[in-house]
Amino acid sequence: MTREIDNTFAVAPMVDWTDRHCRYSHRLLSRRAVLYTEMLSTGAVLNGDPARVLAFSEAEHPVVAQLGGADPDDMAQAAEKCAEWGYDAININVGCPSDRVRKGRFGAVLFKEPETVAACAAAMRRAVDVPVTVKCRVGVDDVDTPEDLLRFVDTVADAGVSTFIV
């Protein structure tokens, strides 16, 4: 059974900002906010120093690990590692527009590949018992109509994702 967290009030993940020190400060401001890590690439989670990449203070709960990647197996393994470290949920980044991230084939560019995101989400859901969520934009490049957003959400929701942060 997957646990649920209350996403009513959350602090957005921001690369180079929402590190553990920033999140701790946010926690001092509000006990209710859901806090997110900055985006963690699957490579960093799977090959980096876990204490540096994944550590957080128990005071930060509820805290969500945000992952960037496009390979279902890597995303599942990274999600598993995050869950082992005690994260309350795992979020797939389909929102970062950075050129560096785009070249790595994750972030906002994946909005154009809902089937890939769905495959990642399904693999992650099989690997962990915490919620798997998705952060996305309303569109990217020339894929930006309301119908595009609905197609993306429908495809990924069919893989078991019930929470989308837009």
N, C-alpha and C. Protein backbone atom coordinates (compact mmCIF):
# COMPACT_ATOMS: atom_id res chain seq x y z
N MET A 1 0.84 -1.18 0.00
CA MET A 1 0.00 0.00 0.00
C MET A 1 0.88 1.24 0.00
N THR A 2 0.65 2.13 -0.93
CA THR A 2 1.43 3.35 -1.02
C THR A 2 0.93 4.37 -0.01
N ARG A 3 1.85 4.97 0.72
CA ARG A 3 1.50 6.03 1.66
C ARG A 3 1.14 7.28 0.88
N GLU A 4 0.40 8.17 1.47
CA GLU A 4 0.05 9.44 0.84
C GLU A 4 0.61 10.58 1.68
N ILE A 5 0.91 11.70 1.02
CA ILE A 5 1.31 12.90 1.74
C ILE A 5 0.39 14.03 1.29
N ASP A 6 0.20 15.00 2.14
CA ASP A 6 -0.65 16.15 1.84
C ASP A 6 0.17 17.17 1.05
N ASN A 7 -0.16 17.33 -0.23
CA ASN A 7 0.57 18.24 -1.11
C ASN A 7 -0.05 19.63 -1.18
N THR A 8 -0.91 19.97 -0.22
CA THR A 8 -1.61 21.24 -0.28
C THR A 8 -0.66 22.43 -0.34
N PHE A 9 0.42 22.38 0.40
CA PHE A 9 1.38 23.48 0.47
C PHE A 9 2.77 22.90 0.29
N ALA A 10 3.46 23.33 -0.75
CA ALA A 10 4.79 22.77 -1.04
C ALA A 10 5.75 23.87 -1.47
N VAL A 11 7.02 23.66 -1.21
CA VAL A 11 8.08 24.55 -1.67
C VAL A 11 8.69 23.90 -2.91
N ALA A 12 8.66 24.60 -4.02
CA ALA A 12 9.11 24.05 -5.30
C ALA A 12 10.59 23.67 -5.26
N PRO A 13 10.93 22.57 -5.95
CA PRO A 13 12.34 22.19 -6.08
C PRO A 13 13.05 23.16 -7.01
N MET A 14 14.25 23.59 -6.62
CA MET A 14 15.02 24.52 -7.45
C MET A 14 16.49 24.11 -7.41
N VAL A 15 17.04 23.81 -8.59
CA VAL A 15 18.44 23.41 -8.69
C VAL A 15 19.33 24.51 -8.11
N ASP A 16 20.31 24.11 -7.35
CA ASP A 16 21.27 24.99 -6.70
C ASP A 16 20.66 25.83 -5.59
N TRP A 17 19.41 25.56 -5.20
CA TRP A 17 18.79 26.31 -4.11
C TRP A 17 18.25 25.41 -3.02
N THR A 18 17.43 24.43 -3.37
CA THR A 18 16.76 23.66 -2.32
C THR A 18 17.62 22.49 -1.83
N ASP A 19 18.82 22.83 -1.40
CA ASP A 19 19.68 21.83 -0.78
C ASP A 19 19.20 21.61 0.65
N ARG A 20 19.87 20.75 1.38
CA ARG A 20 19.40 20.41 2.72
C ARG A 20 19.39 21.60 3.67
N HIS A 21 20.28 22.56 3.49
CA HIS A 21 20.32 23.73 4.37
C HIS A 21 19.13 24.65 4.09
N CYS A 22 18.82 24.84 2.82
CA CYS A 22 17.66 25.64 2.43
C CYS A 22 16.38 24.99 2.94
N ARG A 23 16.27 23.67 2.75
CA ARG A 23 15.06 22.96 3.20
C ARG A 23 14.91 23.06 4.72
N TYR A 24 16.00 22.97 5.44
CA TYR A 24 15.93 23.09 6.90
C TYR A 24 15.40 24.47 7.29
N SER A 25 15.86 25.50 6.60
CA SER A 25 15.37 26.86 6.87
C SER A 25 13.88 26.97 6.55
N HIS A 26 13.47 26.36 5.44
CA HIS A 26 12.04 26.37 5.10
C HIS A 26 11.23 25.65 6.17
N ARG A 27 11.78 24.57 6.70
CA ARG A 27 11.06 23.83 7.73
C ARG A 27 10.87 24.68 8.97
N LEU A 28 11.83 25.52 9.29
CA LEU A 28 11.68 26.41 10.44
C LEU A 28 10.53 27.39 10.23
N LEU A 29 10.27 27.74 8.97
CA LEU A 29 9.19 28.68 8.65
C LEU A 29 7.82 28.01 8.67
N SER A 30 7.76 26.73 8.32
CA SER A 30 6.48 26.03 8.27
C SER A 30 6.66 24.54 8.51
N ARG A 31 5.89 24.00 9.43
CA ARG A 31 5.90 22.55 9.68
C ARG A 31 5.06 21.82 8.64
N ARG A 32 4.16 22.52 7.95
CA ARG A 32 3.21 21.87 7.06
C ARG A 32 3.70 21.75 5.62
N ALA A 33 4.65 22.55 5.22
CA ALA A 33 5.07 22.54 3.81
C ALA A 33 5.73 21.22 3.44
N VAL A 34 5.42 20.75 2.23
CA VAL A 34 6.14 19.61 1.67
C VAL A 34 7.39 20.19 1.03
N LEU A 35 8.55 19.66 1.40
CA LEU A 35 9.83 20.16 0.88
C LEU A 35 10.37 19.19 -0.16
N TYR A 36 11.02 19.75 -1.17
CA TYR A 36 11.60 18.96 -2.26
C TYR A 36 13.11 19.16 -2.31
N THR A 37 13.81 18.11 -2.69
CA THR A 37 15.23 18.26 -2.99
C THR A 37 15.35 19.03 -4.29
N GLU A 38 16.54 19.55 -4.55
CA GLU A 38 16.78 20.02 -5.90
C GLU A 38 16.80 18.78 -6.79
N MET A 39 16.68 18.94 -8.09
CA MET A 39 16.65 17.77 -8.97
C MET A 39 17.94 16.98 -8.83
N LEU A 40 17.79 15.68 -8.64
CA LEU A 40 18.92 14.76 -8.52
C LEU A 40 18.91 13.87 -9.76
N SER A 41 19.99 13.87 -10.51
CA SER A 41 20.05 12.99 -11.67
C SER A 41 20.20 11.55 -11.19
N THR A 42 19.72 10.62 -12.00
CA THR A 42 19.88 9.21 -11.61
C THR A 42 21.35 8.86 -11.48
N GLY A 43 22.20 9.46 -12.31
CA GLY A 43 23.64 9.20 -12.22
C GLY A 43 24.20 9.61 -10.87
N ALA A 44 23.77 10.78 -10.38
CA ALA A 44 24.26 11.25 -9.07
C ALA A 44 23.78 10.34 -7.95
N VAL A 45 22.53 9.91 -8.03
CA VAL A 45 21.98 9.05 -6.98
C VAL A 45 22.63 7.67 -7.00
N LEU A 46 22.80 7.12 -8.19
CA LEU A 46 23.31 5.75 -8.30
C LEU A 46 24.83 5.65 -8.16
N ASN A 47 25.54 6.71 -8.53
CA ASN A 47 27.01 6.64 -8.55
C ASN A 47 27.70 7.62 -7.61
N GLY A 48 26.95 8.57 -7.06
CA GLY A 48 27.54 9.58 -6.20
C GLY A 48 27.66 9.13 -4.76
N ASP A 49 28.19 10.01 -3.94
CA ASP A 49 28.32 9.77 -2.50
C ASP A 49 26.93 9.91 -1.87
N PRO A 50 26.34 8.81 -1.41
CA PRO A 50 24.97 8.88 -0.89
C PRO A 50 24.80 9.89 0.25
N ALA A 51 25.78 9.99 1.12
CA ALA A 51 25.67 10.92 2.24
C ALA A 51 25.61 12.37 1.75
N ARG A 52 26.30 12.66 0.67
CA ARG A 52 26.28 14.02 0.13
C ARG A 52 25.02 14.26 -0.70
N VAL A 53 24.62 13.26 -1.47
CA VAL A 53 23.50 13.43 -2.40
C VAL A 53 22.14 13.27 -1.72
N LEU A 54 22.00 12.32 -0.81
CA LEU A 54 20.68 11.96 -0.30
C LEU A 54 20.39 12.32 1.15
N ALA A 55 21.40 12.68 1.92
CA ALA A 55 21.18 12.93 3.34
C ALA A 55 20.29 14.15 3.57
N PHE A 56 19.50 14.05 4.62
CA PHE A 56 18.66 15.18 5.04
C PHE A 56 18.38 15.04 6.52
N SER A 57 17.91 16.12 7.12
CA SER A 57 17.59 16.12 8.54
C SER A 57 16.20 15.52 8.74
N GLU A 58 16.03 14.77 9.80
CA GLU A 58 14.71 14.22 10.13
C GLU A 58 13.68 15.33 10.28
N ALA A 59 14.12 16.54 10.65
CA ALA A 59 13.20 17.67 10.81
C ALA A 59 12.57 18.10 9.49
N GLU A 60 13.15 17.67 8.37
CA GLU A 60 12.65 18.10 7.06
C GLU A 60 11.36 17.41 6.63
N HIS A 61 10.98 16.30 7.24
CA HIS A 61 9.77 15.58 6.83
C HIS A 61 8.54 16.47 6.90
N PRO A 62 7.62 16.36 5.92
CA PRO A 62 7.69 15.51 4.74
C PRO A 62 8.64 16.12 3.69
N VAL A 63 9.48 15.24 3.14
CA VAL A 63 10.47 15.67 2.14
C VAL A 63 10.43 14.69 0.96
N VAL A 64 10.48 15.27 -0.24
CA VAL A 64 10.35 14.51 -1.48
C VAL A 64 11.65 14.61 -2.26
N ALA A 65 12.13 13.48 -2.75
CA ALA A 65 13.30 13.46 -3.63
C ALA A 65 12.82 13.65 -5.06
N GLN A 66 13.39 14.63 -5.76
CA GLN A 66 13.04 14.84 -7.16
C GLN A 66 14.13 14.25 -8.04
N LEU A 67 13.73 13.35 -8.93
CA LEU A 67 14.69 12.67 -9.80
C LEU A 67 14.59 13.15 -11.24
N GLY A 68 15.74 13.19 -11.89
CA GLY A 68 15.81 13.48 -13.32
C GLY A 68 16.44 12.31 -14.03
N GLY A 69 15.77 11.82 -15.04
CA GLY A 69 16.28 10.70 -15.82
C GLY A 69 15.22 10.22 -16.78
N ALA A 70 15.60 9.31 -17.67
CA ALA A 70 14.66 8.81 -18.66
C ALA A 70 14.72 7.30 -18.84
N ASP A 71 15.60 6.63 -18.12
CA ASP A 71 15.71 5.18 -18.23
C ASP A 71 14.91 4.54 -17.09
N PRO A 72 13.89 3.75 -17.42
CA PRO A 72 13.04 3.18 -16.37
C PRO A 72 13.81 2.38 -15.31
N ASP A 73 14.80 1.59 -15.72
CA ASP A 73 15.56 0.80 -14.74
C ASP A 73 16.36 1.71 -13.81
N ASP A 74 17.03 2.71 -14.38
CA ASP A 74 17.80 3.65 -13.55
C ASP A 74 16.88 4.43 -12.62
N MET A 75 15.73 4.87 -13.14
CA MET A 75 14.79 5.63 -12.31
C MET A 75 14.28 4.75 -11.16
N ALA A 76 13.99 3.49 -11.44
CA ALA A 76 13.51 2.58 -10.39
C ALA A 76 14.59 2.36 -9.33
N GLN A 77 15.83 2.14 -9.77
CA GLN A 77 16.93 1.93 -8.81
C GLN A 77 17.17 3.18 -7.98
N ALA A 78 17.12 4.35 -8.62
CA ALA A 78 17.33 5.60 -7.89
C ALA A 78 16.19 5.84 -6.91
N ALA A 79 14.96 5.55 -7.32
CA ALA A 79 13.81 5.71 -6.43
C ALA A 79 13.95 4.79 -5.22
N GLU A 80 14.40 3.57 -5.47
CA GLU A 80 14.60 2.61 -4.38
C GLU A 80 15.62 3.15 -3.37
N LYS A 81 16.70 3.70 -3.88
CA LYS A 81 17.73 4.26 -3.01
C LYS A 81 17.17 5.43 -2.19
N CYS A 82 16.39 6.29 -2.85
CA CYS A 82 15.78 7.43 -2.14
C CYS A 82 14.83 6.94 -1.05
N ALA A 83 14.03 5.94 -1.37
CA ALA A 83 13.10 5.40 -0.38
C ALA A 83 13.85 4.79 0.80
N GLU A 84 14.96 4.11 0.51
CA GLU A 84 15.78 3.53 1.59
C GLU A 84 16.31 4.62 2.51
N TRP A 85 16.59 5.80 1.97
CA TRP A 85 17.08 6.91 2.78
C TRP A 85 15.96 7.60 3.55
N GLY A 86 14.70 7.21 3.30
CA GLY A 86 13.59 7.73 4.10
C GLY A 86 12.77 8.84 3.48
N TYR A 87 12.92 9.08 2.19
CA TYR A 87 12.10 10.12 1.55
C TYR A 87 10.64 9.71 1.58
N ASP A 88 9.76 10.70 1.71
CA ASP A 88 8.33 10.46 1.83
C ASP A 88 7.64 10.23 0.49
N ALA A 89 8.25 10.67 -0.58
CA ALA A 89 7.73 10.47 -1.94
C ALA A 89 8.88 10.70 -2.91
N ILE A 90 8.67 10.28 -4.15
CA ILE A 90 9.65 10.48 -5.21
C ILE A 90 8.95 11.22 -6.34
N ASN A 91 9.58 12.28 -6.84
CA ASN A 91 8.99 13.11 -7.89
C ASN A 91 9.84 13.01 -9.15
N ILE A 92 9.17 12.85 -10.29
CA ILE A 92 9.86 12.82 -11.58
C ILE A 92 9.86 14.23 -12.15
N ASN A 93 11.03 14.75 -12.47
CA ASN A 93 11.13 16.11 -13.02
C ASN A 93 10.86 16.07 -14.52
N VAL A 94 9.75 16.68 -14.91
CA VAL A 94 9.41 16.87 -16.32
C VAL A 94 9.16 18.37 -16.50
N GLY A 95 9.94 19.18 -15.77
CA GLY A 95 9.71 20.62 -15.79
C GLY A 95 10.94 21.46 -16.05
N CYS A 96 12.13 20.95 -15.79
CA CYS A 96 13.33 21.77 -15.92
C CYS A 96 13.64 22.06 -17.39
N PRO A 97 13.71 23.36 -17.77
CA PRO A 97 13.94 23.71 -19.17
C PRO A 97 15.40 23.92 -19.54
N SER A 98 16.31 23.72 -18.61
CA SER A 98 17.72 24.02 -18.86
C SER A 98 18.27 23.25 -20.05
N ASP A 99 19.13 23.90 -20.82
CA ASP A 99 19.76 23.25 -21.97
C ASP A 99 20.59 22.05 -21.54
N ARG A 100 21.29 22.17 -20.41
CA ARG A 100 22.12 21.07 -19.91
C ARG A 100 21.26 19.84 -19.61
N VAL A 101 20.13 20.08 -18.98
CA VAL A 101 19.21 18.99 -18.64
C VAL A 101 18.59 18.41 -19.91
N ARG A 102 18.22 19.28 -20.82
CA ARG A 102 17.62 18.86 -22.09
C ARG A 102 18.56 17.92 -22.85
N LYS A 103 19.85 18.27 -22.86
CA LYS A 103 20.84 17.43 -23.55
C LYS A 103 20.96 16.05 -22.89
N GLY A 104 20.69 15.98 -21.60
CA GLY A 104 20.72 14.71 -20.88
C GLY A 104 19.43 13.91 -21.06
N ARG A 105 18.48 14.46 -21.81
CA ARG A 105 17.19 13.84 -22.09
C ARG A 105 16.36 13.60 -20.83
N PHE A 106 16.29 14.64 -20.00
CA PHE A 106 15.33 14.61 -18.91
C PHE A 106 14.87 16.02 -18.65
N GLY A 107 13.99 16.20 -17.67
CA GLY A 107 13.41 17.52 -17.46
C GLY A 107 12.27 17.77 -18.44
N ALA A 108 12.08 19.03 -18.81
CA ALA A 108 10.93 19.45 -19.62
C ALA A 108 10.84 18.74 -20.96
N VAL A 109 11.98 18.39 -21.55
CA VAL A 109 11.96 17.73 -22.86
C VAL A 109 11.16 16.42 -22.82
N LEU A 110 11.05 15.79 -21.66
CA LEU A 110 10.30 14.54 -21.55
C LEU A 110 8.79 14.74 -21.67
N PHE A 111 8.34 16.00 -21.61
CA PHE A 111 6.92 16.26 -21.83
C PHE A 111 6.50 15.77 -23.21
N LYS A 112 7.46 15.76 -24.13
CA LYS A 112 7.20 15.29 -25.50
C LYS A 112 7.17 13.76 -25.58
N GLU A 113 7.53 13.09 -24.49
CA GLU A 113 7.62 11.62 -24.47
C GLU A 113 6.81 11.04 -23.30
N PRO A 114 5.49 11.23 -23.32
CA PRO A 114 4.71 10.73 -22.18
C PRO A 114 4.84 9.23 -21.95
N GLU A 115 5.06 8.47 -23.01
CA GLU A 115 5.21 7.03 -22.85
C GLU A 115 6.48 6.69 -22.07
N THR A 116 7.55 7.46 -22.30
CA THR A 116 8.79 7.26 -21.55
C THR A 116 8.58 7.58 -20.07
N VAL A 117 7.90 8.69 -19.80
CA VAL A 117 7.62 9.08 -18.41
C VAL A 117 6.74 8.01 -17.75
N ALA A 118 5.75 7.52 -18.48
CA ALA A 118 4.87 6.48 -17.94
C ALA A 118 5.66 5.20 -17.63
N ALA A 119 6.59 4.83 -18.51
CA ALA A 119 7.41 3.64 -18.26
C ALA A 119 8.28 3.83 -17.02
N CYS A 120 8.84 5.02 -16.87
CA CYS A 120 9.65 5.32 -15.68
C CYS A 120 8.79 5.26 -14.42
N ALA A 121 7.62 5.89 -14.48
CA ALA A 121 6.72 5.92 -13.32
C ALA A 121 6.29 4.51 -12.93
N ALA A 122 5.95 3.69 -13.91
CA ALA A 122 5.51 2.32 -13.62
C ALA A 122 6.64 1.52 -12.96
N ALA A 123 7.85 1.66 -13.48
CA ALA A 123 9.00 0.95 -12.90
C ALA A 123 9.26 1.44 -11.47
N MET A 124 9.15 2.74 -11.25
CA MET A 124 9.39 3.30 -9.93
C MET A 124 8.32 2.83 -8.94
N ARG A 125 7.07 2.81 -9.38
CA ARG A 125 5.99 2.38 -8.50
C ARG A 125 6.15 0.91 -8.08
N ARG A 126 6.67 0.11 -9.00
CA ARG A 126 6.93 -1.30 -8.65
C ARG A 126 8.07 -1.42 -7.64
N ALA A 127 8.99 -0.46 -7.66
CA ALA A 127 10.20 -0.55 -6.83
C ALA A 127 10.03 0.02 -5.42
N VAL A 128 9.08 0.94 -5.23
CA VAL A 128 8.97 1.62 -3.94
C VAL A 128 7.53 1.62 -3.43
N ASP A 129 7.38 1.82 -2.12
CA ASP A 129 6.04 1.90 -1.55
C ASP A 129 5.69 3.31 -1.10
N VAL A 130 6.42 4.29 -1.59
CA VAL A 130 6.09 5.70 -1.35
C VAL A 130 5.47 6.25 -2.63
N PRO A 131 4.71 7.34 -2.54
CA PRO A 131 4.09 7.90 -3.75
C PRO A 131 5.13 8.33 -4.79
N VAL A 132 4.79 8.12 -6.05
CA VAL A 132 5.57 8.62 -7.18
C VAL A 132 4.73 9.71 -7.83
N THR A 133 5.27 10.92 -7.91
CA THR A 133 4.55 12.06 -8.46
C THR A 133 5.32 12.62 -9.65
N VAL A 134 4.69 13.55 -10.37
CA VAL A 134 5.32 14.16 -11.53
C VAL A 134 5.17 15.67 -11.46
N LYS A 135 6.28 16.38 -11.68
CA LYS A 135 6.24 17.83 -11.85
C LYS A 135 6.42 18.10 -13.34
N CYS A 136 5.50 18.87 -13.93
CA CYS A 136 5.62 19.16 -15.36
C CYS A 136 5.19 20.60 -15.64
N ARG A 137 5.45 21.02 -16.84
CA ARG A 137 4.98 22.32 -17.33
C ARG A 137 3.66 22.09 -18.07
N VAL A 138 2.99 23.19 -18.45
CA VAL A 138 1.75 23.05 -19.22
C VAL A 138 2.05 22.70 -20.68
N GLY A 139 3.31 22.76 -21.04
CA GLY A 139 3.73 22.41 -22.38
C GLY A 139 5.19 22.75 -22.56
N VAL A 140 5.75 22.33 -23.68
CA VAL A 140 7.15 22.61 -23.97
C VAL A 140 7.30 22.75 -25.48
N ASP A 141 8.08 23.73 -25.90
CA ASP A 141 8.32 23.99 -27.32
C ASP A 141 6.99 24.09 -28.06
N ASP A 142 6.81 23.28 -29.10
CA ASP A 142 5.57 23.34 -29.88
C ASP A 142 4.52 22.34 -29.39
N VAL A 143 4.78 21.68 -28.29
CA VAL A 143 3.82 20.76 -27.68
C VAL A 143 3.25 21.48 -26.46
N ASP A 144 2.26 22.36 -26.71
CA ASP A 144 1.83 23.23 -25.62
C ASP A 144 0.33 23.54 -25.61
N THR A 145 -0.46 22.70 -26.24
CA THR A 145 -1.91 22.92 -26.23
C THR A 145 -2.51 22.25 -25.00
N PRO A 146 -3.72 22.66 -24.62
CA PRO A 146 -4.39 21.96 -23.52
C PRO A 146 -4.55 20.46 -23.79
N GLU A 147 -4.75 20.11 -25.05
CA GLU A 147 -4.88 18.70 -25.41
C GLU A 147 -3.57 17.95 -25.17
N ASP A 148 -2.43 18.62 -25.44
CA ASP A 148 -1.13 18.00 -25.19
C ASP A 148 -0.96 17.70 -23.70
N LEU A 149 -1.34 18.66 -22.85
CA LEU A 149 -1.24 18.45 -21.41
C LEU A 149 -2.14 17.30 -20.97
N LEU A 150 -3.36 17.27 -21.46
CA LEU A 150 -4.28 16.19 -21.09
C LEU A 150 -3.77 14.83 -21.56
N ARG A 151 -3.21 14.77 -22.76
CA ARG A 151 -2.65 13.50 -23.26
C ARG A 151 -1.50 13.05 -22.37
N PHE A 152 -0.62 14.00 -22.00
CA PHE A 152 0.50 13.68 -21.12
C PHE A 152 -0.01 13.13 -19.79
N VAL A 153 -0.92 13.87 -19.15
CA VAL A 153 -1.43 13.46 -17.84
C VAL A 153 -2.15 12.12 -17.93
N ASP A 154 -3.00 11.93 -18.94
CA ASP A 154 -3.71 10.66 -19.08
C ASP A 154 -2.75 9.49 -19.24
N THR A 155 -1.74 9.67 -20.08
CA THR A 155 -0.77 8.59 -20.33
C THR A 155 -0.02 8.22 -19.06
N VAL A 156 0.46 9.23 -18.34
CA VAL A 156 1.25 8.98 -17.13
C VAL A 156 0.36 8.50 -15.99
N ALA A 157 -0.86 9.01 -15.91
CA ALA A 157 -1.79 8.55 -14.87
C ALA A 157 -2.11 7.07 -15.04
N ASP A 158 -2.17 6.61 -16.28
CA ASP A 158 -2.42 5.19 -16.53
C ASP A 158 -1.31 4.31 -15.97
N ALA A 159 -0.14 4.89 -15.73
CA ALA A 159 0.99 4.15 -15.14
C ALA A 159 0.94 4.17 -13.62
N GLY A 160 -0.09 4.81 -13.05
CA GLY A 160 -0.26 4.79 -11.61
C GLY A 160 0.09 6.08 -10.88
N VAL A 161 0.41 7.14 -11.62
CA VAL A 161 0.69 8.43 -10.97
C VAL A 161 -0.63 9.15 -10.74
N SER A 162 -0.86 9.58 -9.50
CA SER A 162 -2.11 10.27 -9.19
C SER A 162 -1.90 11.73 -8.81
N THR A 163 -0.65 12.15 -8.66
CA THR A 163 -0.37 13.53 -8.28
C THR A 163 0.55 14.16 -9.31
N PHE A 164 0.08 15.27 -9.88
CA PHE A 164 0.84 16.05 -10.85
C PHE A 164 0.99 17.46 -10.30
N ILE A 165 2.20 17.97 -10.31
CA ILE A 165 2.48 19.34 -9.89
C ILE A 165 2.80 20.10 -11.16
N VAL A 166 1.94 21.06 -11.52
CA VAL A 166 2.10 21.79 -12.78
C VAL A 166 2.53 23.21 -12.49
